[in-house]
C-alpha atoms as a PDB file:
ATOM      1  CA  UNK A   1      43.660   4.281  -0.723  1.00  0.00           C
ATOM      2  CA  UNK A   2      42.312   3.892  -4.244  1.00  0.00           C
ATOM      3  CA  UNK A   3      38.704   3.160  -3.332  1.00  0.00           C
ATOM      4  CA  UNK A   4      36.447   5.774  -1.847  1.00  0.00           C
ATOM      5  CA  UNK A   5      34.889   5.138   1.527  1.00  0.00           C
ATOM      6  CA  UNK A   6      31.151   4.716   2.032  1.00  0.00           C
ATOM      7  CA  UNK A   7      31.129   8.005   3.943  1.00  0.00           C
ATOM      8  CA  UNK A   8      32.262  10.056   0.959  1.00  0.00           C
ATOM      9  CA  UNK A   9      30.180   8.249  -1.653  1.00  0.00           C
ATOM     10  CA  UNK A  10      27.048  10.007  -2.903  1.00  0.00           C
ATOM     11  CA  UNK A  11      24.040   8.166  -4.248  1.00  0.00           C
ATOM     12  CA  UNK A  12      21.480   9.628  -6.603  1.00  0.00           C
ATOM     13  CA  UNK A  13      17.945  10.231  -5.366  1.00  0.00           C
ATOM     14  CA  UNK A  14      16.739   7.678  -7.915  1.00  0.00           C
ATOM     15  CA  UNK A  15      19.102   5.025  -6.512  1.00  0.00           C
ATOM     16  CA  UNK A  16      17.915   5.741  -2.964  1.00  0.00           C
ATOM     17  CA  UNK A  17      14.261   5.646  -4.041  1.00  0.00           C
ATOM     18  CA  UNK A  18      14.752   2.319  -5.797  1.00  0.00           C
ATOM     19  CA  UNK A  19      16.562   0.797  -2.805  1.00  0.00           C
ATOM     20  CA  UNK A  20      13.810   1.930  -0.412  1.00  0.00           C
ATOM     21  CA  UNK A  21      11.140   0.606  -2.784  1.00  0.00           C
ATOM     22  CA  UNK A  22      12.931  -2.753  -2.927  1.00  0.00           C
ATOM     23  CA  UNK A  23      12.950  -2.985   0.880  1.00  0.00           C
ATOM     24  CA  UNK A  24       9.260  -2.085   1.072  1.00  0.00           C
ATOM     25  CA  UNK A  25       8.050  -4.293  -1.778  1.00  0.00           C
ATOM     26  CA  UNK A  26      10.176  -7.380  -1.213  1.00  0.00           C
ATOM     27  CA  UNK A  27       9.567  -7.837   2.489  1.00  0.00           C
ATOM     28  CA  UNK A  28      13.259  -8.655   2.815  1.00  0.00           C
ATOM     29  CA  UNK A  29      15.500  -7.482   5.624  1.00  0.00           C
ATOM     30  CA  UNK A  30      17.294  -4.174   5.158  1.00  0.00           C
ATOM     31  CA  UNK A  31      20.672  -5.879   5.620  1.00  0.00           C
ATOM     32  CA  UNK A  32      20.081  -8.240   2.681  1.00  0.00           C
ATOM     33  CA  UNK A  33      18.914  -5.495   0.348  1.00  0.00           C
ATOM     34  CA  UNK A  34      21.818  -3.278   1.443  1.00  0.00           C
ATOM     35  CA  UNK A  35      24.351  -6.035   0.764  1.00  0.00           C
ATOM     36  CA  UNK A  36      22.839  -6.642  -2.674  1.00  0.00           C
ATOM     37  CA  UNK A  37      22.791  -2.912  -3.501  1.00  0.00           C
ATOM     38  CA  UNK A  38      26.319  -2.340  -2.211  1.00  0.00           C
ATOM     39  CA  UNK A  39      25.395   0.189   0.476  1.00  0.00           C
ATOM     40  CA  UNK A  40      25.680   0.141   4.249  1.00  0.00           C
ATOM     41  CA  UNK A  41      22.730  -1.315   6.115  1.00  0.00           C
ATOM     42  CA  UNK A  42      22.637   1.729   8.395  1.00  0.00           C
ATOM     43  CA  UNK A  43      22.546   4.065   5.405  1.00  0.00           C
ATOM     44  CA  UNK A  44      19.651   2.169   3.846  1.00  0.00           C
ATOM     45  CA  UNK A  45      17.841   2.115   7.202  1.00  0.00           C
ATOM     46  CA  UNK A  46      18.183   5.901   7.343  1.00  0.00           C
ATOM     47  CA  UNK A  47      16.794   6.231   3.796  1.00  0.00           C
ATOM     48  CA  UNK A  48      13.791   4.046   4.709  1.00  0.00           C
ATOM     49  CA  UNK A  49      13.191   6.067   7.886  1.00  0.00           C
ATOM     50  CA  UNK A  50      13.412   9.392   5.996  1.00  0.00           C
ATOM     51  CA  UNK A  51      11.011   8.055   3.363  1.00  0.00           C
ATOM     52  CA  UNK A  52       8.565   7.140   6.128  1.00  0.00           C
ATOM     53  CA  UNK A  53       8.813  10.686   7.513  1.00  0.00           C
ATOM     54  CA  UNK A  54       8.414  12.224   4.042  1.00  0.00           C
ATOM     55  CA  UNK A  55       5.229  10.183   3.565  1.00  0.00           C
ATOM     56  CA  UNK A  56       3.808  11.760   6.724  1.00  0.00           C
ATOM     57  CA  UNK A  57       4.142   8.701   8.953  1.00  0.00           C
ATOM     58  CA  UNK A  58       6.990   9.882  11.170  1.00  0.00           C
ATOM     59  CA  UNK A  59       6.799  10.805  14.795  1.00  0.00           C
ATOM     60  CA  UNK A  60       5.917  14.413  15.655  1.00  0.00           C
ATOM     61  CA  UNK A  61       8.868  16.771  15.395  1.00  0.00           C
ATOM     62  CA  UNK A  62      10.797  14.827  12.762  1.00  0.00           C
ATOM     63  CA  UNK A  63      11.728  16.931   9.737  1.00  0.00           C
ATOM     64  CA  UNK A  64      10.798  15.990   6.194  1.00  0.00           C
ATOM     65  CA  UNK A  65      13.459  16.167   3.478  1.00  0.00           C
ATOM     66  CA  UNK A  66      12.009  19.478   2.266  1.00  0.00           C
ATOM     67  CA  UNK A  67      12.134  20.924   5.782  1.00  0.00           C
ATOM     68  CA  UNK A  68      15.724  19.731   6.220  1.00  0.00           C
ATOM     69  CA  UNK A  69      16.727  21.377   2.941  1.00  0.00           C
ATOM     70  CA  UNK A  70      15.025  24.628   3.941  1.00  0.00           C
ATOM     71  CA  UNK A  71      16.779  24.557   7.320  1.00  0.00           C
ATOM     72  CA  UNK A  72      20.170  24.049   5.575  1.00  0.00           C
ATOM     73  CA  UNK A  73      19.412  26.917   3.195  1.00  0.00           C
ATOM     74  CA  UNK A  74      18.356  29.260   6.008  1.00  0.00           C
ATOM     75  CA  UNK A  75      21.404  28.388   8.122  1.00  0.00           C
ATOM     76  CA  UNK A  76      23.691  29.075   5.161  1.00  0.00           C
ATOM     77  CA  UNK A  77      21.949  32.405   4.542  1.00  0.00           C
ATOM     78  CA  UNK A  78      22.189  33.308   8.224  1.00  0.00           C
ATOM     79  CA  UNK A  79      25.923  32.514   8.239  1.00  0.00           C
ATOM     80  CA  UNK A  80      26.490  34.638   5.122  1.00  0.00           C
ATOM     81  CA  UNK A  81      24.573  37.560   6.629  1.00  0.00           C
ATOM     82  CA  UNK A  82      26.528  37.291   9.882  1.00  0.00           C
ATOM     83  CA  UNK A  83      29.776  37.428   7.887  1.00  0.00           C
ATOM     84  CA  UNK A  84      28.535  40.493   5.980  1.00  0.00           C
ATOM     85  CA  UNK A  85      27.563  42.230   9.224  1.00  0.00           C
ATOM     86  CA  UNK A  86      31.017  41.501  10.666  1.00  0.00           C
ATOM     87  CA  UNK A  87      32.742  42.995   7.597  1.00  0.00           C
ATOM     88  CA  UNK A  88      30.550  46.092   7.806  1.00  0.00           C
ATOM     89  CA  UNK A  89      31.212  46.419  11.533  1.00  0.00           C
ATOM     90  CA  UNK A  90      34.969  46.271  10.981  1.00  0.00           C
ATOM     91  CA  UNK A  91      34.717  48.795   8.146  1.00  0.00           C
ATOM     92  CA  UNK A  92      32.735  51.167  10.370  1.00  0.00           C
ATOM     93  CA  UNK A  93      35.374  50.883  13.106  1.00  0.00           C
ATOM     94  CA  UNK A  94      38.143  51.486  10.577  1.00  0.00           C
ATOM     95  CA  UNK A  95      36.492  54.559   9.072  1.00  0.00           C
ATOM     96  CA  UNK A  96      35.617  55.929  12.502  1.00  0.00           C
ATOM     97  CA  UNK A  97      39.283  55.753  13.482  1.00  0.00           C
ATOM     98  CA  UNK A  98      40.308  57.351  10.177  1.00  0.00           C
ATOM     99  CA  UNK A  99      37.924  60.285  10.658  1.00  0.00           C
ATOM    100  CA  UNK A 100      39.297  60.915  14.158  1.00  0.00           C
ATOM    101  CA  UNK A 101      42.756  61.643  12.730  1.00  0.00           C
END
């Protein structure tokens, strides 16, 4: 288990950009470029698709990378606020019981 799987590997934005540019400029199949770059063909296909969306050529309703990042950030913030509200709710219940004694 010495090598890391493709799923856990992270690629830099520059690497992704270069791989997508190679697919677009060379006219070669995604599978060939992916093999040469050492990435999965499906991963490279997803990068090309996301690049198409980011350029404004996606189908309606598809999120750009910036929109996806904002959605992640807002979901994280929402989760943190929900946790804070739960802590405050429990504290209020605790102190209400204490004051009844």
